[in-house]
Amino acid sequence: MEKVWWVHISRIIKQYFISLIVAWGILYSYGKPSLIFGILVGELIGAVCIFIMGNRMLKSIDFSPDAAVFTMKIGWMIRLFLILGCLAAVIQISVSLFWAVVTGFFLAEVIMLANAVYWILKKNSDKQK
């Protein structure tokens, strides 16, 4: 089971790096390659938030419904404060870096959503065979 998860995680990491390379190319063509660090930070924040959410979901399986709801609310608050804290710190540096971080965050979410859709479609197609 761990090997299967590692295959998925390594694919996602590769997709993050490919998106960073593409973003660097786009930023370089506009003369702002230094903003790639903002996109990297945004992707890291997005990955951490996804990890926290997944970890909370796995832990809540063993809980009663009330405890599971409470755990999910705590996880939501942690993610919210993480995102807001990072964005508040970045906006103090520069507005363009702020938007680079926001772009990186949403890029990480899009990559994870695309992978989730792929996994579900593949699972459903495997069931039909």
Foldseek 3Di string as FASTA:
>chain_A
DVVVVVVLVVVLVVVLVVVLVVVLVVCVVVVHNVLSVLLVLLLVLLVVLVVLQVVLVVVLVPPDPVVSVVSNVVSVVVSVCSVVVVLVVQVVVDPSSSVSSVVSNVVNVVSVVVSVVVVVVVVVVVVVD
